[in-house]
Structure formats: structure tokens, C-alpha cells
N, C-alpha and C. Protein backbone atom coordinates (compact mmCIF):
# COMPACT_ATOMS: atom_id res chain seq x y z
N THR A 1 -33.76 -56.69 23.06
CA THR A 1 -34.44 -55.42 23.32
C THR A 1 -34.99 -54.86 22.01
N GLU A 2 -35.82 -53.85 22.15
CA GLU A 2 -36.46 -53.25 20.99
C GLU A 2 -35.44 -52.59 20.05
N VAL A 3 -34.45 -51.90 20.62
CA VAL A 3 -33.43 -51.25 19.80
C VAL A 3 -32.62 -52.28 19.03
N ASN A 4 -32.29 -53.40 19.65
CA ASN A 4 -31.54 -54.45 18.96
C ASN A 4 -32.34 -55.02 17.80
N GLU A 5 -33.63 -55.21 17.97
CA GLU A 5 -34.48 -55.73 16.89
C GLU A 5 -34.55 -54.72 15.75
N LYS A 6 -34.71 -53.44 16.09
CA LYS A 6 -34.74 -52.41 15.06
C LYS A 6 -33.41 -52.35 14.32
N ALA A 7 -32.32 -52.53 15.04
CA ALA A 7 -30.98 -52.50 14.42
C ALA A 7 -30.80 -53.67 13.46
N LYS A 8 -31.28 -54.85 13.83
CA LYS A 8 -31.16 -56.02 12.95
C LYS A 8 -31.88 -55.80 11.64
N GLU A 9 -33.05 -55.17 11.71
CA GLU A 9 -33.82 -54.89 10.50
C GLU A 9 -33.11 -53.88 9.61
N LEU A 10 -32.34 -53.01 10.20
CA LEU A 10 -31.69 -51.92 9.49
C LEU A 10 -30.43 -52.34 8.75
N ILE A 11 -29.71 -53.30 9.30
CA ILE A 11 -28.36 -53.61 8.82
C ILE A 11 -28.40 -54.23 7.43
N CYS A 12 -27.77 -53.53 6.52
CA CYS A 12 -27.65 -53.97 5.13
C CYS A 12 -26.40 -53.31 4.56
N SER A 13 -25.37 -54.10 4.31
CA SER A 13 -24.12 -53.51 3.84
C SER A 13 -24.28 -52.85 2.48
N PHE A 14 -25.23 -53.29 1.69
CA PHE A 14 -25.48 -52.67 0.39
C PHE A 14 -25.83 -51.20 0.56
N ASN A 15 -26.62 -50.88 1.60
CA ASN A 15 -26.99 -49.49 1.86
C ASN A 15 -25.78 -48.64 2.19
N CYS A 16 -24.80 -49.22 2.87
CA CYS A 16 -23.58 -48.47 3.20
C CYS A 16 -22.82 -48.08 1.94
N ILE A 17 -22.84 -48.97 0.96
CA ILE A 17 -22.12 -48.71 -0.30
C ILE A 17 -22.92 -47.75 -1.18
N LYS A 18 -24.21 -48.01 -1.30
CA LYS A 18 -25.04 -47.20 -2.19
C LYS A 18 -25.32 -45.81 -1.63
N PHE A 19 -25.43 -45.71 -0.31
CA PHE A 19 -25.74 -44.43 0.35
C PHE A 19 -24.65 -44.13 1.39
N PRO A 20 -23.46 -43.74 0.95
CA PRO A 20 -22.35 -43.53 1.92
C PRO A 20 -22.60 -42.35 2.85
N LEU A 21 -22.01 -42.43 4.01
CA LEU A 21 -22.13 -41.35 4.99
C LEU A 21 -21.38 -40.10 4.50
N VAL A 22 -20.21 -40.29 3.94
CA VAL A 22 -19.46 -39.18 3.34
C VAL A 22 -19.14 -39.56 1.90
N SER A 23 -19.29 -38.61 1.01
CA SER A 23 -19.03 -38.91 -0.40
C SER A 23 -17.53 -38.87 -0.69
N ARG A 24 -17.17 -39.43 -1.79
CA ARG A 24 -15.75 -39.54 -2.14
C ARG A 24 -15.08 -38.20 -2.41
N ASN A 25 -15.85 -37.19 -2.74
CA ASN A 25 -15.26 -35.89 -3.06
C ASN A 25 -15.06 -34.99 -1.84
N CYS A 26 -15.30 -35.50 -0.65
CA CYS A 26 -15.11 -34.70 0.57
C CYS A 26 -13.63 -34.64 0.94
N SER A 27 -13.25 -33.58 1.61
CA SER A 27 -11.86 -33.43 2.03
C SER A 27 -11.55 -34.43 3.15
N ARG A 28 -10.28 -34.70 3.32
CA ARG A 28 -9.85 -35.61 4.40
C ARG A 28 -10.20 -35.02 5.76
N TYR A 29 -10.04 -33.71 5.90
CA TYR A 29 -10.36 -33.03 7.17
C TYR A 29 -11.83 -33.23 7.52
N PHE A 30 -12.72 -32.99 6.55
CA PHE A 30 -14.15 -33.14 6.77
C PHE A 30 -14.50 -34.59 7.09
N THR A 31 -13.97 -35.51 6.30
CA THR A 31 -14.24 -36.93 6.50
C THR A 31 -13.78 -37.39 7.88
N THR A 32 -12.60 -36.92 8.29
CA THR A 32 -12.08 -37.28 9.61
C THR A 32 -12.99 -36.79 10.72
N ASN A 33 -13.44 -35.55 10.61
CA ASN A 33 -14.35 -35.00 11.63
C ASN A 33 -15.64 -35.80 11.71
N VAL A 34 -16.23 -36.11 10.57
CA VAL A 34 -17.48 -36.87 10.56
C VAL A 34 -17.26 -38.25 11.18
N MET A 35 -16.20 -38.92 10.80
CA MET A 35 -15.95 -40.27 11.32
C MET A 35 -15.60 -40.23 12.82
N ASP A 36 -14.95 -39.17 13.27
CA ASP A 36 -14.70 -39.01 14.72
C ASP A 36 -16.02 -39.00 15.49
N PHE A 37 -17.04 -38.36 14.92
CA PHE A 37 -18.32 -38.29 15.59
C PHE A 37 -19.11 -39.59 15.45
N VAL A 38 -18.72 -40.45 14.54
CA VAL A 38 -19.38 -41.75 14.42
C VAL A 38 -18.78 -42.74 15.41
N HIS A 39 -17.45 -42.83 15.44
CA HIS A 39 -16.83 -43.86 16.31
C HIS A 39 -16.43 -43.34 17.68
N GLY A 40 -16.23 -42.05 17.84
CA GLY A 40 -15.97 -41.48 19.15
C GLY A 40 -14.56 -41.67 19.71
N HIS A 41 -13.68 -42.29 18.96
CA HIS A 41 -12.31 -42.50 19.44
C HIS A 41 -11.43 -41.34 18.99
N CYS A 42 -11.61 -40.24 19.67
CA CYS A 42 -10.89 -39.01 19.32
C CYS A 42 -10.69 -38.21 20.60
N LEU A 43 -9.58 -37.53 20.69
CA LEU A 43 -9.29 -36.74 21.88
C LEU A 43 -10.24 -35.55 22.04
N ARG A 44 -11.04 -35.27 21.02
CA ARG A 44 -12.06 -34.22 21.10
C ARG A 44 -13.08 -34.54 22.20
N PHE A 45 -13.30 -35.82 22.47
CA PHE A 45 -14.28 -36.26 23.45
C PHE A 45 -13.56 -36.66 24.72
N GLN A 46 -13.92 -36.00 25.80
CA GLN A 46 -13.20 -36.20 27.05
C GLN A 46 -13.36 -37.59 27.64
N ASP A 47 -14.47 -38.26 27.37
CA ASP A 47 -14.61 -39.62 27.88
C ASP A 47 -13.56 -40.52 27.25
N PHE A 48 -13.26 -40.31 25.98
CA PHE A 48 -12.21 -41.09 25.32
C PHE A 48 -10.83 -40.68 25.83
N SER A 49 -10.60 -39.38 25.95
CA SER A 49 -9.32 -38.88 26.45
C SER A 49 -9.00 -39.46 27.82
N PHE A 50 -9.98 -39.44 28.70
CA PHE A 50 -9.76 -39.95 30.05
C PHE A 50 -9.47 -41.44 30.04
N SER A 51 -10.19 -42.18 29.20
CA SER A 51 -9.99 -43.63 29.18
C SER A 51 -8.63 -44.01 28.61
N VAL A 52 -8.12 -43.22 27.67
CA VAL A 52 -6.84 -43.53 27.04
C VAL A 52 -5.67 -42.94 27.82
N LEU A 53 -5.78 -41.66 28.12
CA LEU A 53 -4.65 -40.96 28.73
C LEU A 53 -4.61 -41.10 30.25
N LYS A 54 -5.78 -41.19 30.86
CA LYS A 54 -5.90 -41.28 32.32
C LYS A 54 -5.03 -40.22 33.02
N TYR A 55 -5.17 -39.00 32.55
CA TYR A 55 -4.29 -37.95 33.03
C TYR A 55 -4.74 -37.25 34.29
N ASP A 56 -5.98 -37.38 34.69
CA ASP A 56 -6.39 -36.72 35.92
C ASP A 56 -7.26 -37.68 36.73
N LYS A 57 -6.64 -38.43 37.59
CA LYS A 57 -7.34 -39.46 38.35
C LYS A 57 -8.29 -38.88 39.40
N SER A 58 -8.16 -37.58 39.69
CA SER A 58 -9.01 -36.99 40.71
C SER A 58 -10.44 -36.75 40.19
N LEU A 59 -10.60 -36.68 38.88
CA LEU A 59 -11.93 -36.46 38.31
C LEU A 59 -12.66 -37.78 38.15
N GLU A 60 -13.90 -37.82 38.60
CA GLU A 60 -14.68 -39.04 38.48
C GLU A 60 -15.37 -39.14 37.14
N VAL A 61 -15.73 -38.00 36.55
CA VAL A 61 -16.46 -37.97 35.29
C VAL A 61 -15.73 -37.04 34.32
N PRO A 62 -15.53 -37.48 33.09
CA PRO A 62 -14.90 -36.59 32.11
C PRO A 62 -15.84 -35.43 31.75
N ILE A 63 -15.42 -34.24 32.04
CA ILE A 63 -16.26 -33.05 31.89
C ILE A 63 -16.11 -32.46 30.49
N CYS A 64 -17.23 -32.02 29.93
CA CYS A 64 -17.26 -31.41 28.61
C CYS A 64 -16.44 -30.12 28.61
N LEU A 65 -15.57 -29.96 27.62
CA LEU A 65 -14.78 -28.74 27.50
C LEU A 65 -15.64 -27.54 27.15
N GLU A 66 -16.77 -27.79 26.51
CA GLU A 66 -17.63 -26.69 26.06
C GLU A 66 -18.51 -26.15 27.19
N CYS A 67 -19.29 -27.03 27.81
CA CYS A 67 -20.26 -26.55 28.81
C CYS A 67 -19.81 -26.80 30.25
N GLY A 68 -18.90 -27.74 30.44
CA GLY A 68 -18.35 -28.00 31.77
C GLY A 68 -19.28 -28.67 32.75
N THR A 69 -20.41 -29.19 32.28
CA THR A 69 -21.36 -29.75 33.22
C THR A 69 -21.57 -31.25 33.10
N LEU A 70 -21.84 -31.72 31.92
CA LEU A 70 -22.20 -33.13 31.75
C LEU A 70 -20.99 -33.98 31.38
N PRO A 71 -21.08 -35.27 31.60
CA PRO A 71 -20.01 -36.12 31.08
C PRO A 71 -19.93 -35.96 29.57
N ASP A 72 -18.75 -35.86 29.05
CA ASP A 72 -18.54 -35.60 27.63
C ASP A 72 -18.49 -36.90 26.85
N SER A 73 -19.14 -36.91 25.72
CA SER A 73 -19.14 -38.05 24.81
C SER A 73 -19.61 -37.55 23.45
N VAL A 74 -19.58 -38.43 22.47
CA VAL A 74 -20.09 -38.07 21.16
C VAL A 74 -21.57 -37.69 21.25
N PHE A 75 -22.34 -38.51 21.93
CA PHE A 75 -23.78 -38.25 22.06
C PHE A 75 -24.01 -36.90 22.74
N HIS A 76 -23.25 -36.61 23.78
CA HIS A 76 -23.39 -35.32 24.47
C HIS A 76 -23.12 -34.17 23.51
N LYS A 77 -22.00 -34.24 22.78
CA LYS A 77 -21.65 -33.15 21.85
C LYS A 77 -22.73 -32.96 20.79
N LEU A 78 -23.24 -34.07 20.26
CA LEU A 78 -24.21 -33.99 19.17
C LEU A 78 -25.59 -33.52 19.64
N PHE A 79 -26.05 -34.01 20.78
CA PHE A 79 -27.45 -33.82 21.12
C PHE A 79 -27.74 -33.12 22.45
N GLU A 80 -26.76 -32.95 23.32
CA GLU A 80 -27.05 -32.41 24.66
C GLU A 80 -26.35 -31.10 24.99
N CYS A 81 -25.14 -30.91 24.57
CA CYS A 81 -24.36 -29.73 24.96
C CYS A 81 -25.07 -28.45 24.49
N ASP A 82 -25.23 -27.51 25.41
CA ASP A 82 -25.99 -26.30 25.08
C ASP A 82 -25.11 -25.09 24.78
N MET A 83 -23.86 -25.31 24.45
CA MET A 83 -22.96 -24.18 24.21
C MET A 83 -22.85 -23.79 22.73
N TYR A 84 -23.75 -24.29 21.90
CA TYR A 84 -23.68 -24.00 20.47
C TYR A 84 -24.83 -23.10 20.06
N ASP A 85 -24.71 -22.48 18.88
CA ASP A 85 -25.69 -21.49 18.44
C ASP A 85 -26.97 -22.12 17.89
N GLU A 86 -27.85 -21.24 17.37
CA GLU A 86 -29.17 -21.69 16.89
C GLU A 86 -29.09 -22.61 15.68
N ASN A 87 -28.02 -22.54 14.89
CA ASN A 87 -27.87 -23.46 13.75
C ASN A 87 -27.79 -24.90 14.24
N VAL A 88 -27.06 -25.12 15.31
CA VAL A 88 -26.93 -26.45 15.88
C VAL A 88 -28.28 -26.90 16.44
N VAL A 89 -28.97 -26.01 17.12
CA VAL A 89 -30.27 -26.34 17.69
C VAL A 89 -31.26 -26.74 16.59
N LYS A 90 -31.26 -26.03 15.48
CA LYS A 90 -32.15 -26.36 14.35
C LYS A 90 -31.80 -27.72 13.76
N LEU A 91 -30.52 -27.98 13.57
CA LEU A 91 -30.11 -29.26 13.02
C LEU A 91 -30.46 -30.41 13.96
N ARG A 92 -30.27 -30.19 15.25
CA ARG A 92 -30.62 -31.22 16.23
C ARG A 92 -32.11 -31.55 16.16
N SER A 93 -32.93 -30.53 16.01
CA SER A 93 -34.38 -30.76 15.97
C SER A 93 -34.78 -31.61 14.76
N LYS A 94 -34.02 -31.53 13.70
CA LYS A 94 -34.30 -32.33 12.50
C LYS A 94 -33.76 -33.75 12.63
N LEU A 95 -32.92 -33.99 13.62
CA LEU A 95 -32.31 -35.31 13.80
C LEU A 95 -32.86 -36.03 15.03
N ILE A 96 -34.09 -35.71 15.41
CA ILE A 96 -34.72 -36.35 16.57
C ILE A 96 -34.75 -37.87 16.40
N GLU A 97 -34.99 -38.33 15.18
CA GLU A 97 -35.05 -39.77 14.93
C GLU A 97 -33.72 -40.44 15.29
N LEU A 98 -32.61 -39.79 14.94
CA LEU A 98 -31.29 -40.32 15.31
C LEU A 98 -31.12 -40.30 16.82
N GLN A 99 -31.49 -39.20 17.43
CA GLN A 99 -31.32 -39.03 18.87
C GLN A 99 -32.09 -40.09 19.64
N SER A 100 -33.21 -40.52 19.12
CA SER A 100 -34.04 -41.51 19.82
C SER A 100 -33.33 -42.86 19.94
N TRP A 101 -32.30 -43.09 19.15
CA TRP A 101 -31.53 -44.34 19.22
C TRP A 101 -30.50 -44.29 20.34
N GLY A 102 -30.37 -43.15 21.01
CA GLY A 102 -29.42 -43.03 22.12
C GLY A 102 -28.00 -43.23 21.64
N VAL A 103 -27.18 -43.91 22.44
CA VAL A 103 -25.77 -44.08 22.10
C VAL A 103 -25.58 -44.96 20.87
N ASN A 104 -26.62 -45.63 20.41
CA ASN A 104 -26.54 -46.44 19.19
C ASN A 104 -26.99 -45.67 17.95
N PHE A 105 -27.00 -44.33 18.03
CA PHE A 105 -27.46 -43.52 16.91
C PHE A 105 -26.68 -43.82 15.63
N HIS A 106 -25.42 -44.21 15.79
CA HIS A 106 -24.58 -44.44 14.60
C HIS A 106 -25.08 -45.60 13.75
N LEU A 107 -25.77 -46.57 14.34
CA LEU A 107 -26.32 -47.68 13.55
C LEU A 107 -27.36 -47.17 12.57
N LYS A 108 -28.28 -46.36 13.06
CA LYS A 108 -29.31 -45.77 12.21
C LYS A 108 -28.67 -44.90 11.13
N LEU A 109 -27.65 -44.18 11.50
CA LEU A 109 -26.98 -43.27 10.59
C LEU A 109 -26.25 -44.01 9.47
N ILE A 110 -25.44 -44.97 9.82
CA ILE A 110 -24.61 -45.67 8.84
C ILE A 110 -25.44 -46.50 7.86
N PHE A 111 -26.45 -47.19 8.36
CA PHE A 111 -27.19 -48.12 7.51
C PHE A 111 -28.44 -47.51 6.87
N SER A 112 -28.69 -46.26 7.10
CA SER A 112 -29.88 -45.62 6.57
C SER A 112 -29.78 -45.38 5.07
N LYS A 113 -30.93 -45.50 4.39
CA LYS A 113 -31.02 -45.15 2.97
C LYS A 113 -31.34 -43.67 2.82
N ASP A 114 -31.68 -43.03 3.91
CA ASP A 114 -32.10 -41.64 3.91
C ASP A 114 -30.89 -40.71 3.77
N THR A 115 -30.68 -40.20 2.59
CA THR A 115 -29.53 -39.32 2.36
C THR A 115 -29.69 -37.98 3.07
N GLU A 116 -30.93 -37.58 3.32
CA GLU A 116 -31.19 -36.32 4.03
C GLU A 116 -30.66 -36.38 5.46
N ILE A 117 -30.88 -37.51 6.12
CA ILE A 117 -30.42 -37.65 7.50
C ILE A 117 -28.88 -37.62 7.54
N LYS A 118 -28.25 -38.18 6.54
CA LYS A 118 -26.79 -38.18 6.47
C LYS A 118 -26.26 -36.77 6.20
N TYR A 119 -26.95 -36.06 5.33
CA TYR A 119 -26.56 -34.68 5.04
C TYR A 119 -26.70 -33.80 6.28
N LEU A 120 -27.81 -33.96 6.99
CA LEU A 120 -28.04 -33.17 8.21
C LEU A 120 -27.01 -33.50 9.29
N PHE A 121 -26.68 -34.77 9.43
CA PHE A 121 -25.66 -35.18 10.39
C PHE A 121 -24.31 -34.54 10.05
N ASN A 122 -23.93 -34.60 8.79
CA ASN A 122 -22.67 -33.98 8.35
C ASN A 122 -22.67 -32.48 8.63
N SER A 123 -23.81 -31.83 8.38
CA SER A 123 -23.93 -30.39 8.65
C SER A 123 -23.80 -30.11 10.15
N LEU A 124 -24.42 -30.95 10.96
CA LEU A 124 -24.32 -30.79 12.41
C LEU A 124 -22.88 -30.92 12.89
N VAL A 125 -22.18 -31.91 12.39
CA VAL A 125 -20.77 -32.09 12.76
C VAL A 125 -19.95 -30.88 12.35
N GLN A 126 -20.18 -30.37 11.15
CA GLN A 126 -19.45 -29.18 10.69
C GLN A 126 -19.70 -27.99 11.61
N GLN A 127 -20.96 -27.77 11.97
CA GLN A 127 -21.30 -26.65 12.84
C GLN A 127 -20.64 -26.79 14.21
N ILE A 128 -20.69 -27.98 14.78
CA ILE A 128 -20.11 -28.20 16.10
C ILE A 128 -18.60 -28.01 16.05
N CYS A 129 -17.95 -28.55 15.03
CA CYS A 129 -16.49 -28.41 14.91
C CYS A 129 -16.08 -26.95 14.73
N SER A 130 -16.87 -26.20 13.98
CA SER A 130 -16.52 -24.79 13.75
C SER A 130 -16.70 -23.94 15.00
N GLN A 131 -17.55 -24.38 15.93
CA GLN A 131 -17.82 -23.61 17.14
C GLN A 131 -17.11 -24.16 18.37
N SER A 132 -16.43 -25.25 18.22
CA SER A 132 -15.81 -25.92 19.35
C SER A 132 -14.52 -25.24 19.78
N ILE A 133 -14.24 -25.29 21.09
CA ILE A 133 -12.96 -24.75 21.56
C ILE A 133 -11.84 -25.75 21.32
N PHE A 134 -12.19 -27.02 21.12
CA PHE A 134 -11.19 -28.03 20.79
C PHE A 134 -10.73 -27.74 19.37
N ASP A 135 -9.42 -27.76 19.18
CA ASP A 135 -8.86 -27.48 17.86
C ASP A 135 -7.80 -28.52 17.57
N ASP A 136 -7.58 -28.78 16.30
CA ASP A 136 -6.54 -29.74 15.93
C ASP A 136 -5.16 -29.31 16.41
N ASN A 137 -4.99 -28.02 16.67
CA ASN A 137 -3.70 -27.54 17.18
C ASN A 137 -3.37 -28.14 18.54
N PHE A 138 -4.41 -28.57 19.29
CA PHE A 138 -4.19 -29.21 20.57
C PHE A 138 -3.38 -30.51 20.41
N LEU A 139 -3.51 -31.10 19.24
CA LEU A 139 -2.87 -32.39 19.00
C LEU A 139 -1.48 -32.28 18.42
N CYS A 140 -1.08 -31.07 18.05
CA CYS A 140 0.24 -30.88 17.44
C CYS A 140 1.33 -30.99 18.50
N ILE A 141 2.40 -31.60 18.16
CA ILE A 141 3.55 -31.71 19.05
C ILE A 141 4.45 -30.51 18.80
N GLN A 142 4.72 -29.79 19.85
CA GLN A 142 5.57 -28.62 19.71
C GLN A 142 7.00 -29.00 20.03
N GLU A 143 7.91 -28.56 19.19
CA GLU A 143 9.32 -28.82 19.44
C GLU A 143 9.94 -27.64 20.16
N TYR A 144 10.79 -27.93 21.09
CA TYR A 144 11.44 -26.86 21.84
C TYR A 144 12.89 -26.77 21.49
């Protein structure tokens, strides 16, 4: 397919080293959030939660905690969910090129030489995390 051909042209491990997605001076919290949005294996995304935990068999589609309408995924949180403010909308408009890759957006992001696109992606993740109802406290184990 066309996307696969474009991806083959893009892949260069040297670019990953020379133009990292997150710099070494970033906090672990920030780096974790960014990487969660790259790989999607995080309880923040209901599609992953449902596939791992399988806690509510009555639901056919994992529903977004923010908007409650669409199936939840990394792509949905980044580009579709409408429960975020104008800062998110502005950042999304600057990342149309990433969005055009669909669920394979991470390939363009990781292997890109464009540091601006990486900076904008990191900013988008920060904005979404700061406005999200999902919190790391959800993952804490409470002792009784």
C-alpha cells in the first residue's frame, strides 16, 4: 500500500538517534506520558484497558472517558476527541501531516528529522494529559 511504501522510505535508525522524540533532560513523568501516546499500551486508553483487563464484557466498544462517544484509542485522544480546549485544537491543526498517517502516525513521528513536529507532538501530549480526567492516581493501589 501507499502508506507502507512511504514508511519504508522514512525508516532510518540514525534519525531516531540524531533526532530523538524526547530529549535526555526530560523528566521520567513527561517521557512516560509521551511514550504512552506512541505505543498505546497504557490504561489511559480504554481500548487497551478492555483488551487487557476485560472487565466489562457487556460493552462492545471501549468508550472514551473524556467524550463518551467514540471508541477510545491513542489516535482518538490525539486527533478526534473534542473534550479539550483551544490549545489542543491549535496543536492538532499543526499536526495534520501526522494525522494523515492514521493509526501509523507513530512511524512518521519516530523516524522524522523534523524536530518541530516532535516538539508539537510533545506539546499536544502535555496538553491532553493536563486536561484529562484520567490520572495516575487511578493506578495507585490503596491499602486498607
